[in-house]
PDB file of N, CA and C in Angstrom:
ATOM      1  N   MET A   1      92.511  78.912  85.090  1.00  0.00           N
ATOM      2  CA  MET A   1      93.942  79.211  84.878  1.00  0.00           C
ATOM      3  C   MET A   1      94.435  78.054  85.944  1.00  0.00           C
ATOM      4  N   ARG A   2      95.594  77.903  85.698  1.00  0.00           N
ATOM      5  CA  ARG A   2      95.826  75.771  86.696  1.00  0.00           C
ATOM      6  C   ARG A   2      96.958  77.266  86.999  1.00  0.00           C
ATOM      7  N   LEU A   3      97.064  76.740  87.728  1.00  0.00           N
ATOM      8  CA  LEU A   3      98.646  77.242  89.481  1.00  0.00           C
ATOM      9  C   LEU A   3      99.129  75.923  89.437  1.00  0.00           C
ATOM     10  N   ASP A   4      99.290  75.145  88.088  1.00  0.00           N
ATOM     11  CA  ASP A   4     100.604  74.773  88.190  1.00  0.00           C
ATOM     12  C   ASP A   4     101.489  74.875  87.327  1.00  0.00           C
ATOM     13  N   ARG A   5     101.097  75.460  86.559  1.00  0.00           N
ATOM     14  CA  ARG A   5     101.922  75.779  85.463  1.00  0.00           C
ATOM     15  C   ARG A   5     101.898  76.906  85.534  1.00  0.00           C
ATOM     16  N   ASP A   6     103.723  76.658  84.571  1.00  0.00           N
ATOM     17  CA  ASP A   6     104.775  77.733  85.452  1.00  0.00           C
ATOM     18  C   ASP A   6     105.088  79.184  84.619  1.00  0.00           C
ATOM     19  N   TYR A   7     104.590  80.309  85.480  1.00  0.00           N
ATOM     20  CA  TYR A   7     104.791  81.849  84.840  1.00  0.00           C
ATOM     21  C   TYR A   7     104.723  82.830  85.471  1.00  0.00           C
ATOM     22  N   ASP A   8     105.232  84.215  84.693  1.00  0.00           N
ATOM     23  CA  ASP A   8     105.481  85.404  85.757  1.00  0.00           C
ATOM     24  C   ASP A   8     104.418  86.102  85.945  1.00  0.00           C
ATOM     25  N   TYR A   9     103.335  85.980  85.078  1.00  0.00           N
ATOM     26  CA  TYR A   9     101.945  87.432  85.118  1.00  0.00           C
ATOM     27  C   TYR A   9     101.041  86.014  84.678  1.00  0.00           C
ATOM     28  N   LEU A  10     100.371  86.927  84.879  1.00  0.00           N
ATOM     29  CA  LEU A  10      98.691  86.336  85.044  1.00  0.00           C
ATOM     30  C   LEU A  10      97.693  87.616  83.936  1.00  0.00           C
ATOM     31  N   LEU A  11      97.324  87.408  82.943  1.00  0.00           N
ATOM     32  CA  LEU A  11      96.804  88.141  82.128  1.00  0.00           C
ATOM     33  C   LEU A  11      95.662  87.392  82.362  1.00  0.00           C
ATOM     34  N   CYS A  12      93.930  88.390  82.479  1.00  0.00           N
ATOM     35  CA  CYS A  12      92.987  87.560  82.371  1.00  0.00           C
ATOM     36  C   CYS A  12      91.384  88.763  81.794  1.00  0.00           C
ATOM     37  N   LEU A  13      91.429  88.503  81.013  1.00  0.00           N
ATOM     38  CA  LEU A  13      90.429  89.765  80.393  1.00  0.00           C
ATOM     39  C   LEU A  13      89.120  89.556  80.851  1.00  0.00           C
ATOM     40  N   GLY A  14      88.546  90.784  80.055  1.00  0.00           N
ATOM     41  CA  GLY A  14      86.654  90.060  80.421  1.00  0.00           C
ATOM     42  C   GLY A  14      85.749  90.117  79.143  1.00  0.00           C
ATOM     43  N   ILE A  15      84.698  90.031  78.947  1.00  0.00           N
ATOM     44  CA  ILE A  15      84.622  90.331  77.963  1.00  0.00           C
ATOM     45  C   ILE A  15      83.694  90.275  78.165  1.00  0.00           C
ATOM     46  N   CYS A  16      82.535  91.455  77.839  1.00  0.00           N
ATOM     47  CA  CYS A  16      81.447  92.447  78.334  1.00  0.00           C
ATOM     48  C   CYS A  16      80.636  92.520  77.182  1.00  0.00           C
ATOM     49  N   PRO A  17      79.229  93.039  77.275  1.00  0.00           N
ATOM     50  CA  PRO A  17      78.118  93.329  76.133  1.00  0.00           C
ATOM     51  C   PRO A  17      78.842  94.662  75.254  1.00  0.00           C
ATOM     52  N   ARG A  18      78.945  95.223  76.099  1.00  0.00           N
ATOM     53  CA  ARG A  18      79.780  97.449  75.448  1.00  0.00           C
ATOM     54  C   ARG A  18      81.204  97.332  76.066  1.00  0.00           C
ATOM     55  N   GLU A  19      81.534  95.977  76.237  1.00  0.00           N
ATOM     56  CA  GLU A  19      84.060  96.225  76.785  1.00  0.00           C
ATOM     57  C   GLU A  19      84.252  95.270  76.929  1.00  0.00           C
ATOM     58  N   ILE A  20      85.696  95.720  76.571  1.00  0.00           N
ATOM     59  CA  ILE A  20      86.400  94.394  76.891  1.00  0.00           C
ATOM     60  C   ILE A  20      86.878  95.399  77.710  1.00  0.00           C
ATOM     61  N   VAL A  21      87.974  94.658  79.213  1.00  0.00           N
ATOM     62  CA  VAL A  21      88.562  94.375  80.128  1.00  0.00           C
ATOM     63  C   VAL A  21      89.428  93.852  80.172  1.00  0.00           C
ATOM     64  N   PHE A  22      90.201  94.098  81.325  1.00  0.00           N
ATOM     65  CA  PHE A  22      91.807  93.000  81.213  1.00  0.00           C
ATOM     66  C   PHE A  22      92.900  93.847  82.686  1.00  0.00           C
ATOM     67  N   ASN A  23      93.256  93.241  83.427  1.00  0.00           N
ATOM     68  CA  ASN A  23      94.495  92.656  84.623  1.00  0.00           C
ATOM     69  C   ASN A  23      95.080  92.552  84.594  1.00  0.00           C
ATOM     70  N   MET A  24      96.143  92.526  85.070  1.00  0.00           N
ATOM     71  CA  MET A  24      96.780  91.472  85.897  1.00  0.00           C
ATOM     72  C   MET A  24      98.373  91.517  86.767  1.00  0.00           C
ATOM     73  N   TRP A  25      98.017  90.192  87.003  1.00  0.00           N
ATOM     74  CA  TRP A  25      98.613  90.088  87.975  1.00  0.00           C
ATOM     75  C   TRP A  25      99.676  89.506  87.960  1.00  0.00           C
ATOM     76  N   ARG A  26     100.898  89.996  89.107  1.00  0.00           N
ATOM     77  CA  ARG A  26     102.138  88.503  89.734  1.00  0.00           C
ATOM     78  C   ARG A  26     101.601  87.435  89.897  1.00  0.00           C
ATOM     79  N   LYS A  27     102.814  86.221  89.717  1.00  0.00           N
ATOM     80  CA  LYS A  27     102.366  85.413  90.222  1.00  0.00           C
ATOM     81  C   LYS A  27     102.119  85.125  91.504  1.00  0.00           C
ATOM     82  N   GLY A  28     103.733  85.491  92.401  1.00  0.00           N
ATOM     83  CA  GLY A  28     103.041  85.614  93.881  1.00  0.00           C
ATOM     84  C   GLY A  28     101.804  86.655  93.999  1.00  0.00           C
ATOM     85  N   ALA A  29     101.210  87.847  93.664  1.00  0.00           N
ATOM     86  CA  ALA A  29      99.757  87.854  94.182  1.00  0.00           C
ATOM     87  C   ALA A  29      98.844  86.375  93.372  1.00  0.00           C
ATOM     88  N   VAL A  30      98.988  85.465  92.900  1.00  0.00           N
ATOM     89  CA  VAL A  30      97.706  85.149  92.796  1.00  0.00           C
ATOM     90  C   VAL A  30      97.785  84.223  93.576  1.00  0.00           C
ATOM     91  N   ALA A  31      99.817  83.743  93.926  1.00  0.00           N
ATOM     92  CA  ALA A  31      99.369  83.031  94.450  1.00  0.00           C
ATOM     93  C   ALA A  31      98.844  82.829  96.320  1.00  0.00           C
ATOM     94  N   GLU A  32      98.821  84.219  96.934  1.00  0.00           N
ATOM     95  CA  GLU A  32      99.161  85.001  97.838  1.00  0.00           C
ATOM     96  C   GLU A  32      97.025  85.379  98.150  1.00  0.00           C
ATOM     97  N   ASN A  33      96.668  84.858  96.651  1.00  0.00           N
ATOM     98  CA  ASN A  33      94.659  85.589  97.331  1.00  0.00           C
ATOM     99  C   ASN A  33      95.090  86.856  96.957  1.00  0.00           C
ATOM    100  N   ARG A  34      96.086  88.364  96.286  1.00  0.00           N
ATOM    101  CA  ARG A  34      96.113  89.274  96.086  1.00  0.00           C
ATOM    102  C   ARG A  34      95.661  89.609  94.861  1.00  0.00           C
ATOM    103  N   ALA A  35      95.065  88.545  93.639  1.00  0.00           N
ATOM    104  CA  ALA A  35      94.468  89.111  92.564  1.00  0.00           C
ATOM    105  C   ALA A  35      93.488  89.036  92.642  1.00  0.00           C
ATOM    106  N   GLY A  36      92.211  88.362  93.238  1.00  0.00           N
ATOM    107  CA  GLY A  36      90.896  88.285  93.484  1.00  0.00           C
ATOM    108  C   GLY A  36      90.646  86.665  94.309  1.00  0.00           C
ATOM    109  N   ARG A  37      89.385  86.672  94.508  1.00  0.00           N
ATOM    110  CA  ARG A  37      89.503  84.931  94.818  1.00  0.00           C
ATOM    111  C   ARG A  37      89.238  84.266  94.040  1.00  0.00           C
ATOM    112  N   LEU A  38      90.122  83.387  94.460  1.00  0.00           N
ATOM    113  CA  LEU A  38      90.003  81.564  93.172  1.00  0.00           C
ATOM    114  C   LEU A  38      89.030  81.029  93.843  1.00  0.00           C
ATOM    115  N   VAL A  39      88.915  80.203  92.362  1.00  0.00           N
ATOM    116  CA  VAL A  39      87.195  79.752  92.883  1.00  0.00           C
ATOM    117  C   VAL A  39      87.851  78.000  92.237  1.00  0.00           C
ATOM    118  N   ARG A  40      87.945  77.200  93.099  1.00  0.00           N
ATOM    119  CA  ARG A  40      87.198  75.974  92.399  1.00  0.00           C
ATOM    120  C   ARG A  40      87.074  75.868  90.780  1.00  0.00           C
ATOM    121  N   MET A  41      87.591  74.455  90.390  1.00  0.00           N
ATOM    122  CA  MET A  41      86.842  74.945  88.908  1.00  0.00           C
ATOM    123  C   MET A  41      86.584  72.996  88.790  1.00  0.00           C
ATOM    124  N   ALA A  42      86.432  73.265  90.146  1.00  0.00           N
ATOM    125  CA  ALA A  42      86.247  71.666  90.520  1.00  0.00           C
ATOM    126  C   ALA A  42      86.504  70.989  91.508  1.00  0.00           C
ATOM    127  N   GLU A  43      85.158  69.941  91.410  1.00  0.00           N
ATOM    128  CA  GLU A  43      85.459  69.663  92.872  1.00  0.00           C
ATOM    129  C   GLU A  43      86.664  68.904  93.762  1.00  0.00           C
ATOM    130  N   GLY A  44      86.837  69.123  94.767  1.00  0.00           N
ATOM    131  CA  GLY A  44      88.388  68.693  94.888  1.00  0.00           C
ATOM    132  C   GLY A  44      89.692  69.359  94.486  1.00  0.00           C
ATOM    133  N   ARG A  45      89.168  69.749  93.332  1.00  0.00           N
ATOM    134  CA  ARG A  45      90.826  69.849  92.605  1.00  0.00           C
ATOM    135  C   ARG A  45      91.100  71.835  93.414  1.00  0.00           C
ATOM    136  N   ALA A  46      92.274  71.386  93.637  1.00  0.00           N
ATOM    137  CA  ALA A  46      92.605  72.797  93.888  1.00  0.00           C
ATOM    138  C   ALA A  46      93.491  73.536  92.682  1.00  0.00           C
ATOM    139  N   VAL A  47      94.160  73.342  92.118  1.00  0.00           N
ATOM    140  CA  VAL A  47      95.140  73.334  90.980  1.00  0.00           C
ATOM    141  C   VAL A  47      94.436  73.976  89.651  1.00  0.00           C
ATOM    142  N   THR A  48      92.975  73.345  88.833  1.00  0.00           N
ATOM    143  CA  THR A  48      92.396  74.720  88.284  1.00  0.00           C
ATOM    144  C   THR A  48      91.410  75.468  88.646  1.00  0.00           C
ATOM    145  N   CYS A  49      91.408  76.813  88.042  1.00  0.00           N
ATOM    146  CA  CYS A  49      90.551  77.527  89.553  1.00  0.00           C
ATOM    147  C   CYS A  49      90.626  79.041  88.249  1.00  0.00           C
ATOM    148  N   LYS A  50      89.318  79.726  88.526  1.00  0.00           N
ATOM    149  CA  LYS A  50      89.291  80.717  87.565  1.00  0.00           C
ATOM    150  C   LYS A  50      88.807  82.567  89.339  1.00  0.00           C
ATOM    151  N   ILE A  51      89.186  83.341  88.936  1.00  0.00           N
ATOM    152  CA  ILE A  51      89.603  84.409  89.629  1.00  0.00           C
ATOM    153  C   ILE A  51      88.271  85.601  89.282  1.00  0.00           C
ATOM    154  N   ALA A  52      87.696  85.223  90.189  1.00  0.00           N
ATOM    155  CA  ALA A  52      85.807  85.894  90.506  1.00  0.00           C
ATOM    156  C   ALA A  52      86.531  88.023  91.017  1.00  0.00           C
ATOM    157  N   ARG A  53      86.524  89.071  90.238  1.00  0.00           N
ATOM    158  CA  ARG A  53      86.587  89.982  90.404  1.00  0.00           C
ATOM    159  C   ARG A  53      85.582  90.352  89.541  1.00  0.00           C
ATOM    160  N   LYS A  54      85.529  92.027  90.047  1.00  0.00           N
ATOM    161  CA  LYS A  54      84.379  93.296  89.754  1.00  0.00           C
ATOM    162  C   LYS A  54      84.834  93.384  89.124  1.00  0.00           C
ATOM    163  N   LEU A  55      83.669  94.186  87.697  1.00  0.00           N
ATOM    164  CA  LEU A  55      84.135  94.624  86.554  1.00  0.00           C
ATOM    165  C   LEU A  55      85.551  96.267  87.315  1.00  0.00           C
ATOM    166  N   GLU A  56      84.161  97.355  88.141  1.00  0.00           N
ATOM    167  CA  GLU A  56      85.022  98.308  89.124  1.00  0.00           C
ATOM    168  C   GLU A  56      86.871  97.310  89.178  1.00  0.00           C
ATOM    169  N   ASP A  57      87.498  96.933  89.009  1.00  0.00           N
ATOM    170  CA  ASP A  57      88.598  96.092  89.011  1.00  0.00           C
ATOM    171  C   ASP A  57      89.822  95.950  88.128  1.00  0.00           C
ATOM    172  N   MET A  58      89.144  96.288  87.486  1.00  0.00           N
ATOM    173  CA  MET A  58      89.155  95.858  85.803  1.00  0.00           C
ATOM    174  C   MET A  58      89.762  97.332  84.829  1.00  0.00           C
ATOM    175  N   ALA A  59      90.164  97.216  83.633  1.00  0.00           N
ATOM    176  CA  ALA A  59      91.224  98.346  83.051  1.00  0.00           C
ATOM    177  C   ALA A  59      90.672  98.287  81.996  1.00  0.00           C
ATOM    178  N   PRO A  60      89.913  99.423  81.050  1.00  0.00           N
ATOM    179  CA  PRO A  60      89.712  99.100  79.950  1.00  0.00           C
ATOM    180  C   PRO A  60      91.471  98.625  79.072  1.00  0.00           C
ATOM    181  N   ILE A  61      90.399  97.618  77.391  1.00  0.00           N
ATOM    182  CA  ILE A  61      91.130  97.230  77.179  1.00  0.00           C
ATOM    183  C   ILE A  61      92.508  97.941  75.793  1.00  0.00           C
ATOM    184  N   GLU A  62      91.587  99.541  76.309  1.00  0.00           N
ATOM    185  CA  GLU A  62      93.023 100.732  75.465  1.00  0.00           C
ATOM    186  C   GLU A  62      94.485 100.595  75.901  1.00  0.00           C
ATOM    187  N   THR A  63      94.372 100.038  77.731  1.00  0.00           N
ATOM    188  CA  THR A  63      95.585 100.907  78.209  1.00  0.00           C
ATOM    189  C   THR A  63      96.558  99.627  78.602  1.00  0.00           C
ATOM    190  N   LEU A  64      95.947  98.277  77.695  1.00  0.00           N
ATOM    191  CA  LEU A  64      96.800  96.941  78.319  1.00  0.00           C
ATOM    192  C   LEU A  64      97.647  97.949  77.436  1.00  0.00           C
ATOM    193  N   PRO A  65      98.472  97.862  76.108  1.00  0.00           N
ATOM    194  CA  PRO A  65      99.484  97.959  75.347  1.00  0.00           C
ATOM    195  C   PRO A  65     101.035  98.783  76.611  1.00  0.00           C
ATOM    196  N   GLU A  66     100.009 100.215  76.904  1.00  0.00           N
ATOM    197  CA  GLU A  66     100.426 100.746  78.027  1.00  0.00           C
ATOM    198  C   GLU A  66     100.858 100.765  79.651  1.00  0.00           C
ATOM    199  N   MET A  67     100.161  99.781  79.977  1.00  0.00           N
ATOM    200  CA  MET A  67     100.074  98.432  80.972  1.00  0.00           C
ATOM    201  C   MET A  67     101.916  97.433  80.184  1.00  0.00           C
ATOM    202  N   LEU A  68     101.553  96.944  79.597  1.00  0.00           N
ATOM    203  CA  LEU A  68     102.521  95.379  79.497  1.00  0.00           C
ATOM    204  C   LEU A  68     104.220  96.587  79.373  1.00  0.00           C
ATOM    205  N   ARG A  69     103.903  97.635  78.468  1.00  0.00           N
ATOM    206  CA  ARG A  69     105.117  98.851  78.630  1.00  0.00           C
ATOM    207  C   ARG A  69     106.005  98.566  79.895  1.00  0.00           C
ATOM    208  N   VAL A  70     105.061  99.601  80.685  1.00  0.00           N
ATOM    209  CA  VAL A  70     105.517  99.933  81.823  1.00  0.00           C
ATOM    210  C   VAL A  70     105.960  98.559  82.573  1.00  0.00           C
ATOM    211  N   THR A  71     105.411  97.402  82.437  1.00  0.00           N
ATOM    212  CA  THR A  71     105.142  96.877  83.481  1.00  0.00           C
ATOM    213  C   THR A  71     106.331  95.721  83.174  1.00  0.00           C
ATOM    214  N   LEU A  72     106.390  95.346  81.909  1.00  0.00           N
ATOM    215  CA  LEU A  72     107.504  94.436  81.113  1.00  0.00           C
ATOM    216  C   LEU A  72     108.564  94.593  80.954  1.00  0.00           C
ATOM    217  N   GLU A  73     108.769  96.762  81.166  1.00  0.00           N
ATOM    218  CA  GLU A  73     110.328  97.442  80.779  1.00  0.00           C
ATOM    219  C   GLU A  73     110.406  97.271  79.773  1.00  0.00           C
ATOM    220  N   LEU A  74     109.338  97.824  78.818  1.00  0.00           N
ATOM    221  CA  LEU A  74     110.027  96.933  76.768  1.00  0.00           C
ATOM    222  C   LEU A  74     110.099  99.053  76.872  1.00  0.00           C
TER     223      LEU A  74
END
């Protein structure tokens, strides 16, 4: 992910051998490290990162449509 991009929410997908999982966070949660541990993708670069999360912190992909409806008030 790029920390210098303009966004409101970050949606992360996890592709596992037997399932697809996801989680999403507001930009403020990402900036305050409440979304997970940010890992730099290049030495000396703080702009490009990935988020390290445990599988149990993610939700089954089947719940994504409802979470989007609730979060975005659709």
